[in-house]
Amino acid sequence: MKPTAAERLIWGEGDGSTLTTVETVHGTVGGLICWENYMPLARMAMYGKGVDIYLAPTADARERWQSTLQHIALEGRCFVLGCNQYVRRDMYPEDLETREELEAWPEVLSRGGSAIHGPLGDVLAGPLWEEEGILVANLDLTAIARSKFDFDVTGHYARPDVFKLEVDESPHPPVQ
């Protein structure tokens, strides 16, 4: 939806048609990518779609990203699955055309930080740093309703008499 920093040199803007969720046997799944998660109205659009399992993949391997995942879980009262890659220089092929440029970079290019948070912000798995791996957690979907008892961002806390969010979900072609 919104490329960040140097991504804007390659990627174009998205539109509201990509703010989607998917109904699964495990609940409603949706989310945003990387720093789109810092867009409060985009998060609110996801919460408004009833997201139970919120996916937040990123390339941000800083520890402070963990507080973002926790905030989303607390704000949306949903499970948050954050994933990031663990990448070392030696994982790139030896015949990579730009290998000499890569040699100037640190040995660890991305330290990971994948984690799973519950709807009250509790860490259920991870964060996984400095290693490859798979995180696993049992998601008790009944915890979502219990967590919304005191705070429901799209329910009793929404204040539709004061606030209104309009999302244009129609596709907008980049070139006409």
N, C-alpha and C. Protein backbone atom coordinates (compact mmCIF):
# COMPACT_ATOMS: atom_id res chain seq x y z
N MET A 1 0.80 -1.18 0.00
CA MET A 1 0.00 0.00 0.00
C MET A 1 0.86 1.26 0.00
N LYS A 2 1.94 1.26 0.80
CA LYS A 2 2.79 2.45 0.91
C LYS A 2 4.25 2.04 1.02
N PRO A 3 5.03 2.21 -0.04
CA PRO A 3 6.45 1.90 0.05
C PRO A 3 7.17 2.90 0.97
N THR A 4 8.17 2.42 1.67
CA THR A 4 8.91 3.22 2.63
C THR A 4 10.33 3.46 2.15
N ALA A 5 10.84 4.65 2.42
CA ALA A 5 12.23 5.02 2.15
C ALA A 5 12.63 4.67 0.71
N ALA A 6 13.72 3.94 0.55
CA ALA A 6 14.23 3.62 -0.79
C ALA A 6 13.30 2.71 -1.58
N GLU A 7 12.35 2.04 -0.93
CA GLU A 7 11.38 1.21 -1.64
C GLU A 7 10.62 2.04 -2.67
N ARG A 8 10.49 3.34 -2.40
CA ARG A 8 9.74 4.22 -3.30
C ARG A 8 10.44 4.37 -4.66
N LEU A 9 11.70 3.98 -4.74
CA LEU A 9 12.42 4.03 -6.01
C LEU A 9 12.02 2.88 -6.92
N ILE A 10 11.43 1.84 -6.33
CA ILE A 10 11.08 0.64 -7.08
C ILE A 10 9.58 0.42 -7.14
N TRP A 11 8.92 0.53 -6.00
CA TRP A 11 7.51 0.18 -5.88
C TRP A 11 6.63 1.41 -5.95
N GLY A 12 5.42 1.23 -6.47
CA GLY A 12 4.43 2.30 -6.53
C GLY A 12 3.46 2.22 -5.37
N GLU A 13 2.55 3.17 -5.33
CA GLU A 13 1.53 3.21 -4.29
C GLU A 13 0.49 2.12 -4.55
N GLY A 14 -0.04 1.58 -3.49
CA GLY A 14 -1.15 0.64 -3.58
C GLY A 14 -2.45 1.40 -3.43
N ASP A 15 -3.53 0.68 -3.27
CA ASP A 15 -4.83 1.33 -3.05
C ASP A 15 -5.63 0.51 -2.05
N GLY A 16 -6.80 1.02 -1.71
CA GLY A 16 -7.62 0.38 -0.69
C GLY A 16 -8.16 -0.98 -1.06
N SER A 17 -8.06 -1.35 -2.33
CA SER A 17 -8.56 -2.67 -2.73
C SER A 17 -7.71 -3.80 -2.15
N THR A 18 -6.53 -3.48 -1.67
CA THR A 18 -5.65 -4.50 -1.10
C THR A 18 -5.79 -4.63 0.41
N LEU A 19 -6.64 -3.83 1.01
CA LEU A 19 -6.90 -3.95 2.45
C LEU A 19 -7.93 -5.05 2.67
N THR A 20 -7.46 -6.27 2.55
CA THR A 20 -8.38 -7.41 2.58
C THR A 20 -8.12 -8.31 3.77
N THR A 21 -9.12 -9.10 4.09
CA THR A 21 -8.99 -10.16 5.06
C THR A 21 -9.50 -11.44 4.41
N VAL A 22 -9.14 -12.56 5.00
CA VAL A 22 -9.55 -13.86 4.49
C VAL A 22 -10.19 -14.64 5.63
N GLU A 23 -11.36 -15.17 5.38
CA GLU A 23 -12.04 -16.00 6.38
C GLU A 23 -11.47 -17.41 6.29
N THR A 24 -10.97 -17.91 7.41
CA THR A 24 -10.44 -19.27 7.46
C THR A 24 -11.11 -20.03 8.59
N VAL A 25 -10.84 -21.32 8.67
CA VAL A 25 -11.39 -22.11 9.77
C VAL A 25 -10.76 -21.70 11.10
N HIS A 26 -9.66 -20.95 11.05
CA HIS A 26 -8.96 -20.50 12.26
C HIS A 26 -9.32 -19.07 12.64
N GLY A 27 -10.19 -18.43 11.88
CA GLY A 27 -10.56 -17.05 12.15
C GLY A 27 -10.29 -16.16 10.96
N THR A 28 -10.52 -14.87 11.13
CA THR A 28 -10.30 -13.89 10.06
C THR A 28 -8.83 -13.48 10.08
N VAL A 29 -8.17 -13.64 8.93
CA VAL A 29 -6.75 -13.35 8.81
C VAL A 29 -6.57 -12.13 7.91
N GLY A 30 -5.71 -11.23 8.32
CA GLY A 30 -5.39 -10.04 7.53
C GLY A 30 -4.16 -9.38 8.11
N GLY A 31 -3.80 -8.23 7.58
CA GLY A 31 -2.65 -7.52 8.14
C GLY A 31 -2.08 -6.51 7.17
N LEU A 32 -0.97 -5.96 7.56
CA LEU A 32 -0.26 -4.96 6.77
C LEU A 32 1.20 -5.36 6.69
N ILE A 33 1.93 -4.74 5.78
CA ILE A 33 3.33 -5.09 5.57
C ILE A 33 4.23 -4.00 6.13
N CYS A 34 5.18 -4.41 6.94
CA CYS A 34 6.27 -3.58 7.44
C CYS A 34 5.74 -2.27 8.04
N TRP A 35 6.25 -1.14 7.57
CA TRP A 35 5.91 0.12 8.20
C TRP A 35 4.53 0.63 7.85
N GLU A 36 3.78 -0.08 7.00
CA GLU A 36 2.35 0.24 6.85
C GLU A 36 1.66 0.08 8.21
N ASN A 37 2.27 -0.73 9.07
CA ASN A 37 1.72 -0.93 10.40
C ASN A 37 1.80 0.32 11.27
N TYR A 38 2.54 1.33 10.83
CA TYR A 38 2.59 2.61 11.54
C TYR A 38 1.51 3.57 11.05
N MET A 39 0.64 3.11 10.16
CA MET A 39 -0.46 3.93 9.65
C MET A 39 -1.71 3.62 10.47
N PRO A 40 -2.07 4.48 11.43
CA PRO A 40 -3.20 4.15 12.32
C PRO A 40 -4.51 3.88 11.59
N LEU A 41 -4.79 4.61 10.53
CA LEU A 41 -6.06 4.40 9.83
C LEU A 41 -6.07 3.07 9.07
N ALA A 42 -4.92 2.66 8.57
CA ALA A 42 -4.84 1.35 7.90
C ALA A 42 -5.06 0.24 8.92
N ARG A 43 -4.46 0.38 10.10
CA ARG A 43 -4.70 -0.62 11.16
C ARG A 43 -6.18 -0.64 11.52
N MET A 44 -6.78 0.53 11.65
CA MET A 44 -8.19 0.60 12.03
C MET A 44 -9.07 -0.07 10.96
N ALA A 45 -8.68 0.08 9.70
CA ALA A 45 -9.42 -0.59 8.62
C ALA A 45 -9.35 -2.11 8.81
N MET A 46 -8.19 -2.61 9.20
CA MET A 46 -8.04 -4.06 9.43
C MET A 46 -8.88 -4.49 10.63
N TYR A 47 -8.83 -3.72 11.70
CA TYR A 47 -9.63 -4.06 12.88
C TYR A 47 -11.12 -4.05 12.53
N GLY A 48 -11.53 -3.08 11.71
CA GLY A 48 -12.92 -2.97 11.30
C GLY A 48 -13.39 -4.16 10.49
N LYS A 49 -12.47 -4.87 9.87
CA LYS A 49 -12.80 -6.07 9.11
C LYS A 49 -12.83 -7.31 10.01
N GLY A 50 -12.64 -7.10 11.30
CA GLY A 50 -12.75 -8.20 12.26
C GLY A 50 -11.56 -9.14 12.29
N VAL A 51 -10.36 -8.63 12.02
CA VAL A 51 -9.18 -9.48 11.97
C VAL A 51 -8.94 -10.14 13.34
N ASP A 52 -8.80 -11.46 13.32
CA ASP A 52 -8.48 -12.24 14.51
C ASP A 52 -6.99 -12.55 14.56
N ILE A 53 -6.44 -12.86 13.39
CA ILE A 53 -5.02 -13.18 13.26
C ILE A 53 -4.42 -12.15 12.31
N TYR A 54 -3.60 -11.29 12.87
CA TYR A 54 -3.04 -10.15 12.16
C TYR A 54 -1.61 -10.49 11.77
N LEU A 55 -1.32 -10.45 10.48
CA LEU A 55 0.02 -10.76 9.98
C LEU A 55 0.78 -9.45 9.79
N ALA A 56 1.99 -9.38 10.33
CA ALA A 56 2.80 -8.17 10.24
C ALA A 56 4.23 -8.50 9.83
N PRO A 57 4.42 -8.95 8.57
CA PRO A 57 5.79 -9.21 8.11
C PRO A 57 6.55 -7.90 7.98
N THR A 58 7.86 -7.96 8.19
CA THR A 58 8.68 -6.75 8.16
C THR A 58 10.10 -7.05 7.72
N ALA A 59 10.83 -5.99 7.43
CA ALA A 59 12.27 -6.08 7.24
C ALA A 59 12.98 -5.33 8.35
N ASP A 60 12.23 -4.89 9.35
CA ASP A 60 12.76 -4.12 10.48
C ASP A 60 13.22 -5.09 11.56
N ALA A 61 14.53 -5.25 11.69
CA ALA A 61 15.09 -6.21 12.64
C ALA A 61 15.53 -5.55 13.94
N ARG A 62 15.04 -4.35 14.20
CA ARG A 62 15.39 -3.69 15.46
C ARG A 62 14.48 -4.19 16.58
N GLU A 63 15.02 -4.20 17.80
CA GLU A 63 14.24 -4.67 18.95
C GLU A 63 12.98 -3.86 19.15
N ARG A 64 13.01 -2.58 18.81
CA ARG A 64 11.83 -1.73 19.04
C ARG A 64 10.63 -2.17 18.19
N TRP A 65 10.85 -2.94 17.12
CA TRP A 65 9.73 -3.44 16.33
C TRP A 65 8.82 -4.32 17.19
N GLN A 66 9.40 -4.97 18.19
CA GLN A 66 8.62 -5.84 19.07
C GLN A 66 7.52 -5.05 19.79
N SER A 67 7.82 -3.80 20.14
CA SER A 67 6.79 -2.99 20.79
C SER A 67 5.66 -2.65 19.82
N THR A 68 5.98 -2.56 18.53
CA THR A 68 4.94 -2.34 17.52
C THR A 68 4.01 -3.55 17.44
N LEU A 69 4.58 -4.74 17.41
CA LEU A 69 3.76 -5.95 17.38
C LEU A 69 2.88 -6.04 18.62
N GLN A 70 3.45 -5.73 19.77
CA GLN A 70 2.69 -5.78 21.02
C GLN A 70 1.57 -4.75 21.00
N HIS A 71 1.86 -3.55 20.50
CA HIS A 71 0.84 -2.49 20.44
C HIS A 71 -0.33 -2.91 19.55
N ILE A 72 -0.03 -3.48 18.40
CA ILE A 72 -1.09 -3.92 17.49
C ILE A 72 -1.97 -4.96 18.17
N ALA A 73 -1.34 -5.91 18.87
CA ALA A 73 -2.10 -6.95 19.57
C ALA A 73 -3.02 -6.32 20.62
N LEU A 74 -2.48 -5.40 21.40
CA LEU A 74 -3.26 -4.74 22.45
C LEU A 74 -4.36 -3.86 21.87
N GLU A 75 -4.03 -3.11 20.84
CA GLU A 75 -4.98 -2.18 20.24
C GLU A 75 -6.11 -2.92 19.54
N GLY A 76 -5.76 -3.91 18.75
CA GLY A 76 -6.74 -4.65 17.96
C GLY A 76 -7.35 -5.82 18.66
N ARG A 77 -6.81 -6.17 19.83
CA ARG A 77 -7.27 -7.34 20.57
C ARG A 77 -7.33 -8.56 19.64
N CYS A 78 -6.17 -8.79 19.02
CA CYS A 78 -6.04 -9.88 18.06
C CYS A 78 -4.69 -10.56 18.27
N PHE A 79 -4.53 -11.72 17.69
CA PHE A 79 -3.23 -12.37 17.67
C PHE A 79 -2.40 -11.71 16.58
N VAL A 80 -1.13 -11.48 16.86
CA VAL A 80 -0.25 -10.85 15.88
C VAL A 80 0.91 -11.79 15.60
N LEU A 81 1.09 -12.12 14.32
CA LEU A 81 2.21 -12.94 13.89
C LEU A 81 3.15 -12.04 13.11
N GLY A 82 4.28 -11.75 13.71
CA GLY A 82 5.28 -10.91 13.06
C GLY A 82 6.42 -11.78 12.57
N CYS A 83 6.77 -11.62 11.31
CA CYS A 83 7.88 -12.43 10.80
C CYS A 83 8.91 -11.54 10.11
N ASN A 84 10.15 -11.95 10.26
CA ASN A 84 11.27 -11.29 9.60
C ASN A 84 12.32 -12.36 9.31
N GLN A 85 13.07 -12.14 8.26
CA GLN A 85 14.07 -13.12 7.85
C GLN A 85 15.37 -12.96 8.64
N TYR A 86 16.05 -14.08 8.81
CA TYR A 86 17.42 -14.07 9.32
C TYR A 86 18.31 -14.30 8.11
N VAL A 87 19.18 -13.34 7.82
CA VAL A 87 20.00 -13.43 6.61
C VAL A 87 21.45 -13.08 6.94
N ARG A 88 22.35 -13.97 6.51
CA ARG A 88 23.79 -13.72 6.60
C ARG A 88 24.34 -13.56 5.18
N ARG A 89 25.47 -12.89 5.07
CA ARG A 89 26.11 -12.71 3.76
C ARG A 89 26.38 -14.04 3.07
N ASP A 90 26.80 -15.04 3.84
CA ASP A 90 27.18 -16.32 3.21
C ASP A 90 25.97 -17.09 2.67
N MET A 91 24.77 -16.58 2.90
CA MET A 91 23.58 -17.22 2.33
C MET A 91 23.38 -16.83 0.87
N TYR A 92 24.07 -15.80 0.43
CA TYR A 92 23.97 -15.37 -0.97
C TYR A 92 24.89 -16.24 -1.82
N PRO A 93 24.51 -16.49 -3.07
CA PRO A 93 25.35 -17.34 -3.92
C PRO A 93 26.71 -16.68 -4.23
N GLU A 94 27.72 -17.52 -4.34
CA GLU A 94 29.08 -17.03 -4.64
C GLU A 94 29.15 -16.31 -5.97
N ASP A 95 28.31 -16.72 -6.95
CA ASP A 95 28.37 -16.10 -8.27
C ASP A 95 27.42 -14.90 -8.41
N LEU A 96 26.98 -14.36 -7.30
CA LEU A 96 26.12 -13.18 -7.32
C LEU A 96 26.85 -12.04 -8.03
N GLU A 97 26.20 -11.43 -9.02
CA GLU A 97 26.83 -10.41 -9.84
C GLU A 97 27.39 -9.25 -9.02
N THR A 98 26.74 -8.90 -7.94
CA THR A 98 27.18 -7.77 -7.12
C THR A 98 27.82 -8.23 -5.81
N ARG A 99 28.45 -9.39 -5.84
CA ARG A 99 29.03 -9.99 -4.63
C ARG A 99 30.03 -9.06 -3.95
N GLU A 100 30.85 -8.35 -4.73
CA GLU A 100 31.85 -7.47 -4.12
C GLU A 100 31.20 -6.33 -3.33
N GLU A 101 30.03 -5.86 -3.76
CA GLU A 101 29.31 -4.85 -2.99
C GLU A 101 28.81 -5.44 -1.68
N LEU A 102 28.37 -6.66 -1.72
CA LEU A 102 27.84 -7.33 -0.55
C LEU A 102 28.93 -7.52 0.52
N GLU A 103 30.17 -7.71 0.08
CA GLU A 103 31.28 -7.94 1.02
C GLU A 103 31.51 -6.76 1.95
N ALA A 104 31.07 -5.57 1.57
CA ALA A 104 31.24 -4.39 2.41
C ALA A 104 30.18 -4.32 3.52
N TRP A 105 29.19 -5.17 3.45
CA TRP A 105 28.11 -5.16 4.44
C TRP A 105 28.49 -6.04 5.63
N PRO A 106 27.79 -5.89 6.76
CA PRO A 106 28.07 -6.75 7.92
C PRO A 106 27.74 -8.21 7.62
N GLU A 107 28.30 -9.13 8.40
CA GLU A 107 28.06 -10.55 8.19
C GLU A 107 26.57 -10.89 8.33
N VAL A 108 25.92 -10.33 9.35
CA VAL A 108 24.49 -10.55 9.53
C VAL A 108 23.74 -9.36 8.92
N LEU A 109 22.99 -9.62 7.86
CA LEU A 109 22.27 -8.56 7.15
C LEU A 109 20.90 -8.30 7.76
N SER A 110 20.28 -9.33 8.31
CA SER A 110 19.02 -9.18 9.02
C SER A 110 19.01 -10.21 10.15
N ARG A 111 18.82 -9.74 11.37
CA ARG A 111 18.93 -10.63 12.54
C ARG A 111 17.63 -11.30 12.93
N GLY A 112 16.57 -11.07 12.14
CA GLY A 112 15.30 -11.75 12.41
C GLY A 112 14.40 -10.94 13.31
N GLY A 113 13.79 -11.62 14.28
CA GLY A 113 12.88 -10.96 15.21
C GLY A 113 11.45 -11.42 15.09
N SER A 114 11.24 -12.56 14.45
CA SER A 114 9.87 -13.08 14.34
C SER A 114 9.31 -13.34 15.74
N ALA A 115 7.99 -13.09 15.89
CA ALA A 115 7.35 -13.28 17.20
C ALA A 115 5.85 -13.46 17.02
N ILE A 116 5.23 -14.04 18.03
CA ILE A 116 3.78 -14.21 18.06
C ILE A 116 3.28 -13.60 19.37
N HIS A 117 2.29 -12.71 19.26
CA HIS A 117 1.72 -12.04 20.43
C HIS A 117 0.24 -12.38 20.56
N GLY A 118 -0.22 -12.48 21.80
CA GLY A 118 -1.64 -12.71 22.08
C GLY A 118 -2.41 -11.41 22.14
N PRO A 119 -3.74 -11.48 22.21
CA PRO A 119 -4.58 -10.28 22.15
C PRO A 119 -4.46 -9.34 23.35
N LEU A 120 -3.71 -9.71 24.36
CA LEU A 120 -3.41 -8.79 25.45
C LEU A 120 -1.94 -8.39 25.43
N GLY A 121 -1.29 -8.64 24.29
CA GLY A 121 0.10 -8.23 24.10
C GLY A 121 1.13 -9.20 24.62
N ASP A 122 0.70 -10.29 25.24
CA ASP A 122 1.64 -11.24 25.78
C ASP A 122 2.40 -11.96 24.66
N VAL A 123 3.67 -12.24 24.90
CA VAL A 123 4.50 -12.95 23.93
C VAL A 123 4.21 -14.44 24.05
N LEU A 124 3.73 -15.02 22.95
CA LEU A 124 3.43 -16.44 22.93
C LEU A 124 4.60 -17.25 22.37
N ALA A 125 5.40 -16.62 21.52
CA ALA A 125 6.59 -17.28 20.95
C ALA A 125 7.54 -16.21 20.45
N GLY A 126 8.84 -16.48 20.60
CA GLY A 126 9.84 -15.54 20.12
C GLY A 126 10.11 -14.44 21.14
N PRO A 127 10.73 -13.39 20.69
CA PRO A 127 11.23 -13.21 19.34
C PRO A 127 12.43 -14.10 19.04
N LEU A 128 12.52 -14.48 17.79
CA LEU A 128 13.58 -15.36 17.32
C LEU A 128 14.68 -14.50 16.69
N TRP A 129 15.82 -14.42 17.36
CA TRP A 129 16.94 -13.59 16.91
C TRP A 129 18.13 -14.47 16.50
N GLU A 130 18.85 -14.02 15.48
CA GLU A 130 20.16 -14.57 15.11
C GLU A 130 20.15 -16.05 14.78
N GLU A 131 19.00 -16.56 14.32
CA GLU A 131 18.97 -17.97 13.91
C GLU A 131 17.76 -18.23 13.04
N GLU A 132 17.88 -19.27 12.22
CA GLU A 132 16.74 -19.73 11.44
C GLU A 132 15.85 -20.56 12.35
N GLY A 133 14.55 -20.55 12.06
CA GLY A 133 13.67 -21.36 12.86
C GLY A 133 12.21 -21.11 12.53
N ILE A 134 11.36 -21.88 13.15
CA ILE A 134 9.92 -21.77 12.98
C ILE A 134 9.31 -21.59 14.37
N LEU A 135 8.50 -20.56 14.51
CA LEU A 135 7.80 -20.33 15.77
C LEU A 135 6.44 -21.01 15.73
N VAL A 136 6.03 -21.58 16.84
CA VAL A 136 4.76 -22.27 16.94
C VAL A 136 4.08 -21.82 18.24
N ALA A 137 2.79 -21.57 18.15
CA ALA A 137 2.01 -21.23 19.35
C ALA A 137 0.59 -21.72 19.15
N ASN A 138 -0.04 -22.13 20.23
CA ASN A 138 -1.46 -22.47 20.20
C ASN A 138 -2.24 -21.19 20.39
N LEU A 139 -3.14 -20.88 19.45
CA LEU A 139 -3.94 -19.66 19.53
C LEU A 139 -5.33 -20.01 20.02
N ASP A 140 -5.63 -19.60 21.22
CA ASP A 140 -6.96 -19.82 21.80
C ASP A 140 -7.83 -18.66 21.35
N LEU A 141 -8.61 -18.87 20.30
CA LEU A 141 -9.40 -17.79 19.72
C LEU A 141 -10.46 -17.26 20.67
N THR A 142 -10.81 -18.02 21.71
CA THR A 142 -11.77 -17.50 22.69
C THR A 142 -11.14 -16.37 23.51
N ALA A 143 -9.83 -16.26 23.50
CA ALA A 143 -9.15 -15.18 24.22
C ALA A 143 -9.47 -13.82 23.60
N ILE A 144 -9.82 -13.80 22.32
CA ILE A 144 -10.14 -12.54 21.65
C ILE A 144 -11.39 -11.91 22.27
N ALA A 145 -12.45 -12.67 22.38
CA ALA A 145 -13.69 -12.14 22.98
C ALA A 145 -13.46 -11.72 24.43
N ARG A 146 -12.71 -12.50 25.18
CA ARG A 146 -12.42 -12.14 26.57
C ARG A 146 -11.63 -10.84 26.65
N SER A 147 -10.68 -10.66 25.74
CA SER A 147 -9.84 -9.45 25.78
C SER A 147 -10.62 -8.21 25.36
N LYS A 148 -11.68 -8.39 24.56
CA LYS A 148 -12.48 -7.24 24.12
C LYS A 148 -13.50 -6.80 25.17
N PHE A 149 -13.59 -7.54 26.26
CA PHE A 149 -14.55 -7.19 27.30
C PHE A 149 -14.27 -5.79 27.86
N ASP A 150 -12.99 -5.47 28.09
CA ASP A 150 -12.67 -4.15 28.64
C ASP A 150 -12.26 -3.13 27.58
N PHE A 151 -11.83 -3.58 26.42
CA PHE A 151 -11.44 -2.64 25.36
C PHE A 151 -11.69 -3.27 24.00
N ASP A 152 -12.57 -2.66 23.23
CA ASP A 152 -12.89 -3.13 21.88
C ASP A 152 -12.84 -1.92 20.95
N VAL A 153 -11.75 -1.81 20.21
CA VAL A 153 -11.49 -0.61 19.40
C VAL A 153 -12.55 -0.38 18.32
N THR A 154 -13.23 -1.44 17.88
CA THR A 154 -14.29 -1.25 16.88
C THR A 154 -15.67 -1.48 17.48
N GLY A 155 -15.73 -1.72 18.76
CA GLY A 155 -17.00 -1.93 19.46
C GLY A 155 -17.30 -0.76 20.37
N HIS A 156 -17.41 -1.03 21.66
CA HIS A 156 -17.83 0.00 22.61
C HIS A 156 -16.84 1.16 22.74
N TYR A 157 -15.58 1.00 22.30
CA TYR A 157 -14.62 2.09 22.35
C TYR A 157 -14.56 2.89 21.04
N ALA A 158 -15.31 2.51 20.04
CA ALA A 158 -15.19 3.12 18.70
C ALA A 158 -15.75 4.54 18.61
N ARG A 159 -16.79 4.84 19.35
CA ARG A 159 -17.42 6.16 19.34
C ARG A 159 -17.81 6.63 17.94
N PRO A 160 -18.68 5.87 17.25
CA PRO A 160 -19.10 6.26 15.90
C PRO A 160 -19.90 7.56 15.89
N ASP A 161 -20.34 8.01 17.06
CA ASP A 161 -21.01 9.31 17.13
C ASP A 161 -20.02 10.46 16.98
N VAL A 162 -18.72 10.17 17.17
CA VAL A 162 -17.68 11.20 17.09
C VAL A 162 -16.76 10.95 15.90
N PHE A 163 -16.38 9.69 15.68
CA PHE A 163 -15.39 9.35 14.67
C PHE A 163 -16.00 8.54 13.54
N LYS A 164 -15.48 8.74 12.34
CA LYS A 164 -15.93 7.97 11.18
C LYS A 164 -14.72 7.71 10.28
N LEU A 165 -14.51 6.46 9.95
CA LEU A 165 -13.44 6.10 9.03
C LEU A 165 -14.06 5.65 7.72
N GLU A 166 -13.69 6.29 6.65
CA GLU A 166 -14.13 5.89 5.32
C GLU A 166 -12.93 5.34 4.56
N VAL A 167 -13.09 4.15 4.00
CA VAL A 167 -12.02 3.51 3.26
C VAL A 167 -12.49 3.29 1.83
N ASP A 168 -11.77 3.85 0.89
CA ASP A 168 -12.06 3.64 -0.53
C ASP A 168 -11.40 2.33 -0.94
N GLU A 169 -12.18 1.27 -1.08
CA GLU A 169 -11.64 -0.03 -1.41
C GLU A 169 -11.69 -0.33 -2.91
N SER A 170 -11.99 0.67 -3.71
CA SER A 170 -12.01 0.43 -5.16
C SER A 170 -10.58 0.47 -5.71
N PRO A 171 -10.32 -0.36 -6.72
CA PRO A 171 -8.99 -0.35 -7.32
C PRO A 171 -8.74 0.92 -8.12
N HIS A 172 -7.54 1.44 -8.03
CA HIS A 172 -7.14 2.62 -8.77
C HIS A 172 -5.90 2.28 -9.59
N PRO A 173 -6.08 2.04 -10.89
CA PRO A 173 -4.91 1.70 -11.74
C PRO A 173 -3.88 2.82 -11.70
N PRO A 174 -2.58 2.48 -11.66
CA PRO A 174 -1.56 3.51 -11.57
C PRO A 174 -1.46 4.38 -12.84
N VAL A 175 -1.87 3.81 -13.99
CA VAL A 175 -1.79 4.55 -15.24
C VAL A 175 -3.13 4.40 -15.95
N GLN A 176 -3.65 5.52 -16.45
CA GLN A 176 -4.91 5.46 -17.19
C GLN A 176 -4.71 6.04 -18.57
